[in-house]
C-alpha cells in the first residue's frame, strides 16, 4: 500500500531561507513542487516529504549547486531545527545526543528511522532512507550526514570528521562536503547512509552553551495512519482549507480519491474526521467568553453561521449558546 511520508516544517525552513538568500524564485519553485507557502509559517506543520526532496533538487538542477545539502547544514546550527536540535545540545555526552537524535527523529519524520550498530572499534550511526525516491536524494543525504556529524561534534569538536562514511549516492564530486567529510574513507553506492564514530568519542562530554528550555509545544511521533495524519494537518494548519479534502490530499502528496478509499477501508471518512476535529475545537473555543460564536464559526471555516449552528447541534445535542451557558454555570 502507498505510504505517505511527512516531515516537520522546522527541517525545511533553513533550506527556504537559503533559497531566498541566493535569490531563487521561491514562489514558482514551491508551486512546481505542490507546496503551499502558508504551510511553511508554522515549524510544527507537516509537509509531504517527497515534495520537499523535489524542492531541494532544484538548486542543483537549475543553478548547478551540487553541495546544496552540505552548504545549508553547515550554515545552520542544530538549534535551527526547533525543539529537536535544542534537545540534542542539552545532552551530557555524545552517546546521549545520538540516542536522543534517534528517539526524537520519529517526531520529525515518519520515514524510515535511524539506528546504531557497533563493531570492534566504531559505532555506526545509520539511516536507511526512503526506497524508490530519487529526485533530490543526494541533497537530502548530504543534509542527513551533516546533521549526524554536527551531533557528534557537540562533544568531539567543530572540526571532527568521521573516519569512515557510507553513502547511497553513486557519485561524489571531489571536494564536495569537505568541511564535513575531510579525509574520510568514503564508500559510495551503499545500501544505507552511515558514519563511523570511534567508541572512545562516545563518552566525550558536551559543553554547548545553549540554554535549553523545554517549550510547551510537545511534539509527538508523526503518525503513519492517514486518519491520524489528517488530524495533525488540521491541528498545525491554519485557515479553512485545512478542513478540505483536496487540500489535505495535496499536503499528503496523494490523490483525493486514494485518500477517500483508504479512509473508507478503515471504516471512517474525511467528513467524519474533519467534523469531529472542528467540533472538539469549537467546544474549546466556546469556553473563552471573549470569542464570539460568529468568530468561532469563521475560525472553523464556516462562512454561514447557520451551518455551524446545525453541525454543532448534531454533534453535541445542544446549540453553541446553550453549550457556552452550561460551561459558564459549571
Protein backbone atom coordinates (compact mmCIF):
# COMPACT_ATOMS: atom_id res chain seq x y z
CA UNK A 1 0.00 0.00 0.00
CA UNK A 2 1.15 3.53 -0.76
CA UNK A 3 2.86 5.20 2.21
CA UNK A 4 2.56 8.92 2.95
CA UNK A 5 5.85 10.31 4.24
CA UNK A 6 5.65 13.55 6.23
CA UNK A 7 8.28 15.94 7.54
CA UNK A 8 8.05 18.82 10.02
CA UNK A 9 8.45 22.27 8.52
CA UNK A 10 11.21 23.15 11.01
CA UNK A 11 13.56 20.96 8.94
CA UNK A 12 12.59 22.75 5.73
CA UNK A 13 12.79 26.37 6.92
CA UNK A 14 16.65 26.62 6.84
CA UNK A 15 16.59 25.49 3.19
CA UNK A 16 13.88 28.02 2.35
CA UNK A 17 15.93 30.81 3.93
CA UNK A 18 18.99 29.78 1.91
CA UNK A 19 16.99 29.73 -1.34
CA UNK A 20 15.72 33.23 -0.63
CA UNK A 21 19.24 34.45 0.23
CA UNK A 22 20.67 33.25 -3.09
CA UNK A 23 17.81 34.89 -5.00
CA UNK A 24 15.91 31.85 -6.22
CA UNK A 25 12.24 32.34 -7.31
CA UNK A 26 10.74 30.65 -4.28
CA UNK A 27 7.04 31.06 -5.12
CA UNK A 28 7.32 29.39 -8.52
CA UNK A 29 9.53 26.64 -7.06
CA UNK A 30 7.01 25.88 -4.33
CA UNK A 31 4.20 25.84 -6.88
CA UNK A 32 6.13 23.38 -9.06
CA UNK A 33 6.59 21.07 -6.07
CA UNK A 34 2.95 21.47 -4.97
CA UNK A 35 3.92 23.06 -1.66
CA UNK A 36 1.71 25.87 -0.36
CA UNK A 37 3.65 28.83 1.01
CA UNK A 38 1.48 29.14 4.12
CA UNK A 39 2.49 25.60 5.18
CA UNK A 40 5.98 26.95 5.90
CA UNK A 41 4.99 29.50 8.54
CA UNK A 42 4.41 27.01 11.37
CA UNK A 43 7.55 24.99 12.27
CA UNK A 44 5.32 22.17 13.59
CA UNK A 45 3.34 21.85 10.37
CA UNK A 46 3.72 18.63 8.35
CA UNK A 47 4.70 18.54 4.66
CA UNK A 48 4.79 15.68 2.18
CA UNK A 49 8.47 14.65 2.27
CA UNK A 50 8.87 13.62 -1.41
CA UNK A 51 7.75 17.15 -2.40
CA UNK A 52 10.48 18.57 -0.14
CA UNK A 53 13.05 16.31 -1.81
CA UNK A 54 11.89 17.61 -5.19
CA UNK A 55 12.27 21.20 -3.94
CA UNK A 56 15.82 20.58 -2.67
CA UNK A 57 16.80 19.20 -6.06
CA UNK A 58 16.04 22.49 -7.84
CA UNK A 59 19.19 24.45 -6.75
CA UNK A 60 21.29 21.63 -8.22
CA UNK A 61 19.21 21.18 -11.38
CA UNK A 62 18.75 24.90 -12.09
CA UNK A 63 21.88 26.51 -10.63
CA UNK A 64 24.36 23.63 -10.53
CA UNK A 65 24.77 23.81 -6.74
CA UNK A 66 25.99 20.23 -6.24
CA UNK A 67 26.52 20.56 -2.48
CA UNK A 68 23.35 22.44 -1.53
CA UNK A 69 22.55 19.97 1.28
CA UNK A 70 26.02 20.30 2.81
CA UNK A 71 26.02 24.10 2.44
CA UNK A 72 22.71 24.63 4.22
CA UNK A 73 23.59 22.24 7.03
CA UNK A 74 26.98 23.88 7.57
CA UNK A 75 25.44 27.36 7.82
CA UNK A 76 22.79 26.36 10.35
CA UNK A 77 23.36 25.23 13.92
CA UNK A 78 21.43 22.27 15.27
CA UNK A 79 19.28 24.72 17.23
CA UNK A 80 17.90 25.97 13.88
CA UNK A 81 15.72 22.86 13.76
CA UNK A 82 13.46 23.69 16.67
CA UNK A 83 12.96 21.57 19.76
CA UNK A 84 14.68 18.62 18.07
CA UNK A 85 18.01 20.41 17.73
CA UNK A 86 17.80 22.18 21.08
CA UNK A 87 17.28 18.88 22.90
CA UNK A 88 20.46 17.44 21.35
CA UNK A 89 22.55 20.32 22.66
CA UNK A 90 21.24 19.67 26.18
CA UNK A 91 22.74 16.15 26.22
CA UNK A 92 25.59 15.33 28.61
CA UNK A 93 27.62 13.09 26.26
CA UNK A 94 27.96 12.35 22.55
CA UNK A 95 26.30 8.96 23.03
CA UNK A 96 23.32 10.53 24.79
CA UNK A 97 22.97 13.05 21.94
CA UNK A 98 22.96 10.23 19.37
CA UNK A 99 20.32 8.34 21.36
CA UNK A 100 18.18 11.49 21.58
CA UNK A 101 18.61 12.03 17.83
CA UNK A 102 17.32 8.52 17.11
CA UNK A 103 14.43 8.64 19.59
CA UNK A 104 13.36 12.15 18.52
CA UNK A 105 13.51 11.63 14.76
CA UNK A 106 10.11 9.86 14.54
CA UNK A 107 8.66 13.16 15.81
CA UNK A 108 10.29 14.93 12.84
CA UNK A 109 9.51 12.45 10.04
CA UNK A 110 7.64 9.18 9.66
CA UNK A 111 10.13 7.98 7.05
CA UNK A 112 12.43 5.02 7.89
CA UNK A 113 14.22 5.55 11.16
CA UNK A 114 17.84 5.93 12.24
CA UNK A 115 19.71 3.28 14.24
CA UNK A 116 23.14 2.38 15.59
CA UNK A 117 25.26 -0.71 15.10
CA UNK A 118 28.60 -1.46 16.71
CA UNK A 119 31.71 -3.25 15.52
CA UNK A 120 35.09 -3.77 17.19
CA UNK A 121 36.30 -0.15 17.19
CA UNK A 122 33.41 2.00 15.97
CA UNK A 123 29.75 2.71 16.44
CA UNK A 124 27.93 3.10 13.13
CA UNK A 125 25.25 5.81 13.04
CA UNK A 126 22.88 4.63 10.27
CA UNK A 127 19.98 5.99 8.25
CA UNK A 128 18.01 3.66 5.97
CA UNK A 129 16.39 6.26 3.72
CA UNK A 130 13.22 6.08 1.63
CA UNK A 131 13.22 3.38 -1.03
CA UNK A 132 12.03 4.35 -4.50
CA UNK A 133 12.75 8.09 -4.29
CA UNK A 134 15.50 9.53 -6.45
CA UNK A 135 14.91 13.21 -7.22
CA UNK A 136 16.65 15.24 -4.53
CA UNK A 137 18.01 12.22 -2.68
CA UNK A 138 21.64 13.43 -2.99
CA UNK A 139 20.88 16.76 -1.30
CA UNK A 140 18.86 15.07 1.44
CA UNK A 141 21.65 12.57 2.07
CA UNK A 142 24.15 15.43 2.34
CA UNK A 143 21.90 17.14 4.87
CA UNK A 144 21.45 13.96 6.90
CA UNK A 145 25.19 13.26 7.02
CA UNK A 146 25.78 16.86 8.07
CA UNK A 147 23.23 16.58 10.90
CA UNK A 148 24.75 13.34 12.17
CA UNK A 149 28.26 14.82 12.12
CA UNK A 150 27.07 18.04 13.81
CA UNK A 151 25.59 15.89 16.57
CA UNK A 152 28.93 14.15 17.20
CA UNK A 153 30.77 17.49 17.02
CA UNK A 154 28.86 18.70 20.08
CA UNK A 155 31.39 16.75 22.09
CA UNK A 156 34.14 15.87 19.62
CA UNK A 157 34.79 19.44 18.46
CA UNK A 158 33.88 21.58 15.47
CA UNK A 159 36.49 20.07 13.15
CA UNK A 160 35.78 16.39 13.81
CA UNK A 161 35.20 14.23 10.73
CA UNK A 162 34.22 10.54 10.70
CA UNK A 163 36.98 8.08 9.76
CA UNK A 164 34.58 6.15 7.51
CA UNK A 165 31.41 7.16 5.68
CA UNK A 166 28.90 5.13 3.68
CA UNK A 167 26.72 6.92 1.14
CA UNK A 168 23.86 5.74 -1.03
CA UNK A 169 24.79 8.18 -3.79
CA UNK A 170 26.85 6.57 -6.54
CA UNK A 171 28.82 9.68 -7.50
CA UNK A 172 30.51 12.36 -5.39
CA UNK A 173 32.43 15.21 -7.00
CA UNK A 174 35.86 15.68 -5.45
CA UNK A 175 35.88 18.37 -2.76
CA UNK A 176 32.11 18.31 -2.18
CA UNK A 177 31.30 18.39 1.53
CA UNK A 178 34.92 18.71 2.53
CA UNK A 179 34.06 20.59 5.74
CA UNK A 180 32.10 17.53 6.89
CA UNK A 181 33.94 14.67 5.20
CA UNK A 182 37.58 15.84 5.24
CA UNK A 183 39.79 12.82 4.57
CA UNK A 184 37.09 10.26 5.41
CA UNK A 185 37.24 6.84 3.78
CA UNK A 186 34.03 7.05 1.71
CA UNK A 187 32.12 4.08 0.27
CA UNK A 188 29.62 5.07 -2.45
CA UNK A 189 26.56 3.16 -3.66
CA UNK A 190 25.96 1.61 -0.25
CA UNK A 191 22.57 0.25 0.79
CA UNK A 192 22.29 2.88 3.53
CA UNK A 193 23.82 6.14 4.78
CA UNK A 194 26.14 5.86 7.78
CA UNK A 195 29.09 7.42 9.59
CA UNK A 196 31.58 5.59 11.82
CA UNK A 197 32.20 7.03 15.28
CA UNK A 198 35.21 5.77 17.26
CA UNK A 199 33.91 4.34 20.54
CA UNK A 200 36.35 6.44 22.57
CA UNK A 201 34.42 9.56 21.46
CA UNK A 202 31.02 8.39 22.70
CA UNK A 203 31.55 9.47 26.30
CA UNK A 204 33.00 12.87 25.40
CA UNK A 205 31.11 15.48 27.44
CA UNK A 206 29.01 18.12 25.73
CA UNK A 207 29.52 21.67 26.95
CA UNK A 208 27.30 23.51 24.48
CA UNK A 209 26.35 26.94 25.80
CA UNK A 210 22.75 26.98 24.52
CA UNK A 211 20.35 27.22 27.44
CA UNK A 212 17.74 24.61 26.62
CA UNK A 213 14.29 25.47 27.87
CA UNK A 214 11.56 22.94 27.10
CA UNK A 215 8.68 24.70 25.42
CA UNK A 216 5.03 23.92 25.89
CA UNK A 217 4.94 22.55 22.36
CA UNK A 218 5.10 18.81 22.97
CA UNK A 219 5.98 17.22 19.65
CA UNK A 220 4.62 13.73 19.22
CA UNK A 221 5.59 10.94 16.86
CA UNK A 222 4.37 11.63 13.32
CA UNK A 223 1.68 9.03 12.56
CA UNK A 224 1.61 6.67 9.58
CA UNK A 225 -2.17 6.11 9.57
CA UNK A 226 -3.86 8.55 7.12
CA UNK A 227 -6.66 9.37 9.59
CA UNK A 228 -4.15 10.49 12.23
CA UNK A 229 -2.08 12.34 9.62
CA UNK A 230 -5.18 14.32 8.63
CA UNK A 231 -5.80 15.15 12.29
CA UNK A 232 -2.27 16.55 12.61
CA UNK A 233 -2.55 18.56 9.38
CA UNK A 234 -5.68 20.20 10.76
CA UNK A 235 -4.04 20.75 14.16
CA UNK A 236 -0.93 22.52 12.83
CA UNK A 237 -2.54 24.26 9.86
CA UNK A 238 -4.50 27.48 9.71
CA UNK A 239 -7.36 28.81 7.62
CA UNK A 240 -10.41 26.95 6.36
CA UNK A 241 -8.54 24.97 3.67
CA UNK A 242 -7.12 22.64 6.34
CA UNK A 243 -10.64 21.14 6.59
CA UNK A 244 -10.88 20.45 2.84
CA UNK A 245 -10.24 17.01 1.35
CA UNK A 246 -8.38 18.32 -1.70
CA UNK A 247 -6.02 20.50 0.37
CA UNK A 248 -5.18 17.69 2.81
CA UNK A 249 -4.61 15.22 -0.03
CA UNK A 250 -2.22 17.69 -1.66
CA UNK A 251 -0.30 18.11 1.57
CA UNK A 252 -0.03 14.32 1.90
CA UNK A 253 1.07 14.01 -1.73
CA UNK A 254 -1.78 11.68 -2.74
CA UNK A 255 -4.89 11.87 -4.93
CA UNK A 256 -8.13 12.78 -3.11
CA UNK A 257 -9.81 9.60 -4.38
CA UNK A 258 -6.97 7.46 -2.98
CA UNK A 259 -7.34 9.16 0.38
CA UNK A 260 -11.12 8.67 0.42
CA UNK A 261 -10.74 5.00 -0.48
CA UNK A 262 -8.11 4.41 2.20
CA UNK A 263 -10.25 6.05 4.87
CA UNK A 264 -13.30 4.05 3.77
CA UNK A 265 -11.29 0.81 4.07
CA UNK A 266 -10.53 1.86 7.65
CA UNK A 267 -14.21 2.48 8.43
CA UNK A 268 -14.07 6.26 8.50
CA UNK A 269 -14.31 9.23 6.13
CA UNK A 270 -12.72 12.62 5.66
CA UNK A 271 -16.00 14.31 6.58
CA UNK A 272 -16.19 12.34 9.82
CA UNK A 273 -12.60 13.21 10.80
CA UNK A 274 -13.00 16.88 9.88
CA UNK A 275 -16.33 17.23 11.68
CA UNK A 276 -15.03 15.63 14.87
CA UNK A 277 -11.94 17.84 14.91
CA UNK A 278 -13.90 21.02 14.16
CA UNK A 279 -16.50 20.33 16.83
CA UNK A 280 -13.93 19.49 19.51
CA UNK A 281 -12.09 22.70 18.59
CA UNK A 282 -15.38 24.60 18.70
CA UNK A 283 -16.06 23.32 22.22
CA UNK A 284 -12.62 24.50 23.30
CA UNK A 285 -13.15 27.96 21.76
CA UNK A 286 -16.60 28.32 23.32
CA UNK A 287 -15.08 28.13 26.80
CA UNK A 288 -13.46 31.50 26.08
CA UNK A 289 -16.15 34.14 26.59
CA UNK A 290 -14.06 36.76 24.78
CA UNK A 291 -14.59 34.94 21.46
CA UNK A 292 -17.99 35.42 19.84
CA UNK A 293 -19.86 32.47 18.33
CA UNK A 294 -19.55 34.13 14.92
CA UNK A 295 -15.77 34.28 15.34
CA UNK A 296 -15.69 30.61 16.32
CA UNK A 297 -17.67 29.69 13.21
CA UNK A 298 -15.34 31.68 10.94
CA UNK A 299 -12.23 30.20 12.59
CA UNK A 300 -13.55 26.73 11.79
CA UNK A 301 -14.23 27.58 8.16
CA UNK A 302 -17.99 28.11 8.33
CA UNK A 303 -18.87 31.16 6.23
CA UNK A 304 -22.52 30.71 7.22
CA UNK A 305 -23.11 30.73 10.97
CA UNK A 306 -26.31 28.72 10.49
CA UNK A 307 -24.31 25.80 9.07
CA UNK A 308 -22.03 25.88 12.10
CA UNK A 309 -25.05 26.01 14.40
CA UNK A 310 -26.64 22.94 12.77
CA UNK A 311 -23.36 20.98 12.77
CA UNK A 312 -22.74 21.75 16.45
CA UNK A 313 -26.26 20.72 17.50
CA UNK A 314 -25.97 17.48 15.51
CA UNK A 315 -22.61 16.68 17.16
CA UNK A 316 -23.35 17.70 20.77
CA UNK A 317 -27.15 17.77 21.05
CA UNK A 318 -27.16 21.41 22.17
CA UNK A 319 -26.65 24.78 20.49
CA UNK A 320 -23.39 26.76 20.82
CA UNK A 321 -25.20 29.26 23.08
CA UNK A 322 -26.55 26.51 25.32
CA UNK A 323 -23.13 24.86 25.49
CA UNK A 324 -21.49 28.15 26.48
CA UNK A 325 -24.09 28.74 29.22
CA UNK A 326 -23.55 25.22 30.54
CA UNK A 327 -19.77 25.80 30.73
CA UNK A 328 -20.24 29.15 32.49
CA UNK A 329 -22.57 27.60 35.07
CA UNK A 330 -20.14 24.74 35.66
